[in-house]
């Protein structure tokens, strides 16, 4: 199934995994609402909604850049409405925007707590809520949350409980909404990387270049998301999927070309398997 003329509403689409997912859909001729906060260049956070939109157009898609703070209800409502007015509807929502801070309870400032819970969990609920009337009209609607399988190993909570709970909140919306929306034939799934991915978060917060060399490219998440969007929304729903697992389902066995440095040992991502003594990259 091609995504030609399908309308994607992608949060956090100016860079990283969100942009990679948008570019993969663009190669099919999809229409993409590029939703993110960044409108001016920053050396530590390359890319803006405008550079992303240009790249999407060059890849063969149609792009509409929307400055969006996913914590702001009025901005979310407005962004959804502008997307529908521009492209005629919404077929796919990608809840990719995220915030991270690995700190324990005592050292987590409440403004950082509110940021993580507002961008991670709350935004998934709010964006999906306002997109829902339009998703109901799609012939094969998907909601994809970039959130992990829920792993209750206490080690994943220790030292960074605020972040973990915010990400698991996203996953709980997958669990609940997939059942709630089944009557509408709307799929709701979670997708998470098996390994670290080369993103600004890894470069700036989680180990820098040394971690990048043991990471995969964002293309692996984009190809996995594309496969998910090709599936029948009525039956392929309520799943917590890993990128490599999805690609193996699609028939791809050799994932080595996704490595930033082929042959290097890869860092397992958070929430995969047993937690280490201290969660870090």
Protein backbone atom coordinates (compact mmCIF):
# COMPACT_ATOMS: atom_id res chain seq x y z
CA UNK A 1 0.00 0.00 0.00
CA UNK A 2 1.35 3.42 -0.96
CA UNK A 3 0.92 6.48 1.23
CA UNK A 4 0.33 8.66 -1.82
CA UNK A 5 -2.05 11.51 -0.93
CA UNK A 6 -2.38 10.26 2.65
CA UNK A 7 -2.31 13.13 5.16
CA UNK A 8 0.11 12.84 8.07
CA UNK A 9 0.06 15.09 11.13
CA UNK A 10 3.54 14.72 12.65
CA UNK A 11 4.63 16.38 15.90
CA UNK A 12 8.30 17.04 16.50
CA UNK A 13 8.75 16.89 12.73
CA UNK A 14 11.54 19.42 12.30
CA UNK A 15 14.35 16.93 12.92
CA UNK A 16 15.28 13.44 14.04
CA UNK A 17 12.82 10.57 13.99
CA UNK A 18 9.80 12.76 13.24
CA UNK A 19 11.46 14.20 10.14
CA UNK A 20 12.69 10.76 9.04
CA UNK A 21 9.14 9.37 9.22
CA UNK A 22 7.86 12.35 7.24
CA UNK A 23 10.54 11.99 4.56
CA UNK A 24 9.79 8.29 4.12
CA UNK A 25 6.11 9.07 3.60
CA UNK A 26 7.04 11.91 1.25
CA UNK A 27 8.73 9.44 -1.10
CA UNK A 28 5.25 7.97 -1.68
CA UNK A 29 3.77 11.41 -2.36
CA UNK A 30 2.13 11.89 1.05
CA UNK A 31 0.87 15.21 2.40
CA UNK A 32 2.49 16.15 5.68
CA UNK A 33 1.71 18.73 8.35
CA UNK A 34 5.15 19.56 9.77
CA UNK A 35 4.39 20.44 13.39
CA UNK A 36 7.13 21.62 15.74
CA UNK A 37 8.23 24.64 17.78
CA UNK A 38 11.47 25.47 15.97
CA UNK A 39 11.31 28.31 13.44
CA UNK A 40 14.88 29.64 13.73
CA UNK A 41 18.15 27.73 13.36
CA UNK A 42 20.05 26.58 16.45
CA UNK A 43 23.51 25.02 16.18
CA UNK A 44 22.65 22.42 18.85
CA UNK A 45 19.22 21.65 17.36
CA UNK A 46 19.57 21.68 13.56
CA UNK A 47 16.45 22.05 11.47
CA UNK A 48 13.27 24.11 11.55
CA UNK A 49 9.71 23.51 10.38
CA UNK A 50 10.66 25.36 7.20
CA UNK A 51 13.81 23.36 6.39
CA UNK A 52 11.86 20.17 7.11
CA UNK A 53 9.02 21.24 4.82
CA UNK A 54 11.51 22.00 2.04
CA UNK A 55 13.16 18.58 2.42
CA UNK A 56 9.76 16.88 2.30
CA UNK A 57 8.84 18.71 -0.91
CA UNK A 58 12.18 17.76 -2.45
CA UNK A 59 11.55 14.12 -1.51
CA UNK A 60 8.31 14.11 -3.47
CA UNK A 61 5.75 14.96 -0.83
CA UNK A 62 3.59 17.95 -0.02
CA UNK A 63 4.35 19.88 3.16
CA UNK A 64 2.64 22.44 5.33
CA UNK A 65 4.76 23.98 8.12
CA UNK A 66 2.94 24.76 11.38
CA UNK A 67 4.64 26.20 14.45
CA UNK A 68 3.17 24.20 17.33
CA UNK A 69 3.71 23.89 21.06
CA UNK A 70 1.95 20.59 21.77
CA UNK A 71 1.26 21.71 25.36
CA UNK A 72 -1.01 24.53 24.18
CA UNK A 73 -4.61 23.42 23.61
CA UNK A 74 -5.57 26.30 21.34
CA UNK A 75 -2.47 25.82 19.20
CA UNK A 76 -3.24 22.10 18.83
CA UNK A 77 -6.84 22.76 17.83
CA UNK A 78 -5.71 25.41 15.35
CA UNK A 79 -2.99 23.18 13.85
CA UNK A 80 -5.44 20.32 13.31
CA UNK A 81 -7.97 22.65 11.70
CA UNK A 82 -5.39 24.26 9.40
CA UNK A 83 -4.20 20.82 8.32
CA UNK A 84 -7.74 19.78 7.41
CA UNK A 85 -8.35 23.05 5.58
CA UNK A 86 -5.11 22.66 3.62
CA UNK A 87 -5.11 18.94 2.84
CA UNK A 88 -8.75 17.92 3.25
CA UNK A 89 -8.46 15.60 6.23
CA UNK A 90 -6.07 13.59 8.43
CA UNK A 91 -5.24 9.91 7.91
CA UNK A 92 -2.26 9.41 10.21
CA UNK A 93 -1.16 11.03 13.47
CA UNK A 94 2.43 10.58 14.61
CA UNK A 95 2.91 11.59 18.25
CA UNK A 96 6.67 12.00 18.15
CA UNK A 97 7.36 15.21 20.12
CA UNK A 98 9.18 14.40 23.33
CA UNK A 99 11.15 15.74 26.28
CA UNK A 100 13.71 13.96 28.44
CA UNK A 101 15.58 14.60 31.66
CA UNK A 102 17.21 11.74 33.53
CA UNK A 103 17.11 12.91 37.13
CA UNK A 104 15.93 11.46 40.43
CA UNK A 105 12.99 12.72 42.45
CA UNK A 106 14.96 15.18 44.58
CA UNK A 107 16.76 16.72 41.61
CA UNK A 108 13.82 17.02 39.20
CA UNK A 109 12.53 20.58 39.18
CA UNK A 110 8.76 20.79 38.84
CA UNK A 111 9.06 22.87 35.67
CA UNK A 112 11.01 19.99 34.09
CA UNK A 113 8.45 17.49 35.40
CA UNK A 114 5.65 19.56 33.86
CA UNK A 115 7.58 19.85 30.58
CA UNK A 116 8.05 16.08 30.26
CA UNK A 117 4.49 15.20 31.22
CA UNK A 118 3.05 18.00 29.09
CA UNK A 119 5.00 17.10 25.95
CA UNK A 120 5.07 13.33 26.38
CA UNK A 121 1.83 12.03 27.89
CA UNK A 122 -0.61 14.96 27.83
CA UNK A 123 0.13 15.92 24.23
CA UNK A 124 -0.60 12.39 22.99
CA UNK A 125 -4.06 12.61 24.51
CA UNK A 126 -4.74 16.14 23.29
CA UNK A 127 -3.43 15.81 19.72
CA UNK A 128 -5.27 12.53 19.25
CA UNK A 129 -8.46 13.93 20.78
CA UNK A 130 -8.64 16.84 18.33
CA UNK A 131 -7.59 14.73 15.33
CA UNK A 132 -10.12 12.00 16.12
CA UNK A 133 -13.17 13.44 14.25
CA UNK A 134 -11.05 13.58 11.10
CA UNK A 135 -9.42 10.18 11.60
CA UNK A 136 -12.92 8.67 11.74
CA UNK A 137 -13.41 9.75 8.12
CA UNK A 138 -10.23 8.07 6.84
CA UNK A 139 -10.31 4.73 5.06
CA UNK A 140 -7.25 3.46 6.97
CA UNK A 141 -6.49 5.68 9.96
CA UNK A 142 -3.46 5.20 12.18
CA UNK A 143 -2.20 6.82 15.38
CA UNK A 144 1.44 6.05 16.14
CA UNK A 145 2.91 6.94 19.53
CA UNK A 146 6.69 6.97 19.84
CA UNK A 147 6.65 5.24 23.21
CA UNK A 148 8.03 2.05 24.73
CA UNK A 149 6.63 -1.32 25.71
CA UNK A 150 5.78 -1.09 29.41
CA UNK A 151 8.58 -2.77 31.36
CA UNK A 152 7.91 -2.81 35.11
CA UNK A 153 11.49 -3.63 36.10
CA UNK A 154 11.95 -1.13 38.99
CA UNK A 155 15.39 -0.27 37.64
CA UNK A 156 13.79 1.64 34.78
CA UNK A 157 12.04 3.86 37.38
CA UNK A 158 14.87 4.34 39.84
CA UNK A 159 16.80 7.60 39.40
CA UNK A 160 14.52 8.91 36.60
CA UNK A 161 10.97 8.12 37.67
CA UNK A 162 9.43 11.33 36.27
CA UNK A 163 10.69 10.62 32.75
CA UNK A 164 9.74 6.94 32.85
CA UNK A 165 6.20 7.63 34.01
CA UNK A 166 5.74 10.27 31.28
CA UNK A 167 6.80 7.81 28.56
CA UNK A 168 4.71 4.98 29.98
CA UNK A 169 1.78 7.41 30.06
CA UNK A 170 2.07 7.60 26.26
CA UNK A 171 2.02 3.82 26.10
CA UNK A 172 -1.02 3.58 28.33
CA UNK A 173 -2.87 5.80 25.86
CA UNK A 174 -1.94 3.27 23.17
CA UNK A 175 -3.43 0.52 25.32
CA UNK A 176 -6.66 2.37 26.07
CA UNK A 177 -7.28 4.20 22.80
CA UNK A 178 -6.61 1.14 20.66
CA UNK A 179 -9.55 -0.56 22.37
CA UNK A 180 -11.69 2.60 22.44
CA UNK A 181 -11.15 3.35 18.72
CA UNK A 182 -11.49 -0.21 17.46
CA UNK A 183 -15.15 0.42 16.64
CA UNK A 184 -14.01 3.23 14.35
CA UNK A 185 -11.40 1.02 12.62
CA UNK A 186 -8.65 3.38 13.79
CA UNK A 187 -5.34 1.74 14.68
CA UNK A 188 -3.35 2.96 17.67
CA UNK A 189 0.13 1.51 18.13
CA UNK A 190 3.41 2.31 19.86
CA UNK A 191 6.81 2.13 18.16
CA UNK A 192 10.13 2.19 20.01
CA UNK A 193 13.76 1.65 18.92
CA UNK A 194 15.64 -1.45 19.98
CA UNK A 195 18.85 0.60 20.11
CA UNK A 196 19.91 4.19 20.54
CA UNK A 197 19.07 6.38 17.53
CA UNK A 198 21.20 9.24 16.22
CA UNK A 199 19.09 12.19 17.40
CA UNK A 200 19.77 15.58 18.97
CA UNK A 201 18.91 14.09 22.38
CA UNK A 202 21.68 11.50 22.02
CA UNK A 203 24.14 14.07 20.67
CA UNK A 204 23.41 16.70 23.31
CA UNK A 205 22.28 14.82 26.42
CA UNK A 206 23.04 11.12 26.19
CA UNK A 207 26.70 10.59 25.47
CA UNK A 208 27.45 12.69 22.42
CA UNK A 209 29.55 11.42 19.52
CA UNK A 210 30.66 8.30 21.39
CA UNK A 211 27.02 7.21 21.71
CA UNK A 212 26.22 8.19 18.12
CA UNK A 213 28.89 5.75 16.92
CA UNK A 214 26.97 2.97 18.69
CA UNK A 215 23.55 4.08 17.44
CA UNK A 216 21.37 3.46 14.42
CA UNK A 217 20.13 6.03 11.92
CA UNK A 218 16.61 7.40 12.27
CA UNK A 219 15.81 5.73 8.93
CA UNK A 220 15.14 2.45 10.74
CA UNK A 221 12.28 4.03 12.66
CA UNK A 222 10.97 5.64 9.48
CA UNK A 223 10.92 2.35 7.57
CA UNK A 224 9.25 0.59 10.49
CA UNK A 225 6.60 3.32 10.76
CA UNK A 226 5.94 3.10 7.02
CA UNK A 227 5.29 -0.63 7.31
CA UNK A 228 2.86 -0.02 10.18
CA UNK A 229 0.93 2.58 8.16
CA UNK A 230 0.56 0.06 5.32
CA UNK A 231 -1.30 -2.39 7.57
CA UNK A 232 -5.07 -2.75 7.90
CA UNK A 233 -6.05 -0.41 10.73
CA UNK A 234 -8.98 -2.63 11.71
CA UNK A 235 -6.71 -5.48 12.76
CA UNK A 236 -3.17 -4.14 13.23
CA UNK A 237 -3.73 -2.22 16.46
CA UNK A 238 -2.93 -2.13 20.18
CA UNK A 239 0.65 -3.28 19.68
CA UNK A 240 3.91 -2.23 21.32
CA UNK A 241 6.40 -2.63 18.51
CA UNK A 242 10.18 -2.43 18.25
CA UNK A 243 11.72 -1.10 15.05
CA UNK A 244 13.85 -4.14 14.27
CA UNK A 245 10.97 -6.47 15.07
CA UNK A 246 8.73 -4.62 12.61
CA UNK A 247 11.30 -4.76 9.83
CA UNK A 248 11.76 -8.47 10.36
CA UNK A 249 7.99 -8.83 10.00
CA UNK A 250 8.31 -6.97 6.71
CA UNK A 251 10.93 -9.44 5.50
CA UNK A 252 14.12 -7.45 6.22
CA UNK A 253 16.65 -9.62 8.04
CA UNK A 254 19.90 -7.64 7.67
CA UNK A 255 19.70 -4.38 9.63
CA UNK A 256 23.42 -3.60 9.51
CA UNK A 257 23.03 -0.75 7.00
CA UNK A 258 21.08 1.22 9.59
CA UNK A 259 24.09 1.41 11.94
CA UNK A 260 25.83 4.79 12.08
CA UNK A 261 29.12 2.90 12.15
CA UNK A 262 28.63 -0.61 10.70
CA UNK A 263 30.18 -3.29 12.87
CA UNK A 264 30.14 -1.33 16.13
CA UNK A 265 28.34 -2.74 19.15
CA UNK A 266 24.98 -1.02 19.55
CA UNK A 267 23.57 0.55 22.72
CA UNK A 268 20.23 -0.92 23.77
CA UNK A 269 17.60 1.75 24.23
CA UNK A 270 15.83 2.51 27.49
CA UNK A 271 13.16 0.06 28.68
CA UNK A 272 14.56 -2.87 26.67
CA UNK A 273 15.18 -5.92 28.86
CA UNK A 274 16.52 -5.80 32.41
CA UNK A 275 17.54 -2.38 33.64
CA UNK A 276 21.24 -1.72 34.29
CA UNK A 277 22.37 -0.62 37.77
CA UNK A 278 22.29 2.98 36.55
CA UNK A 279 20.37 4.10 33.49
CA UNK A 280 22.70 5.98 31.17
CA UNK A 281 24.18 5.82 27.68
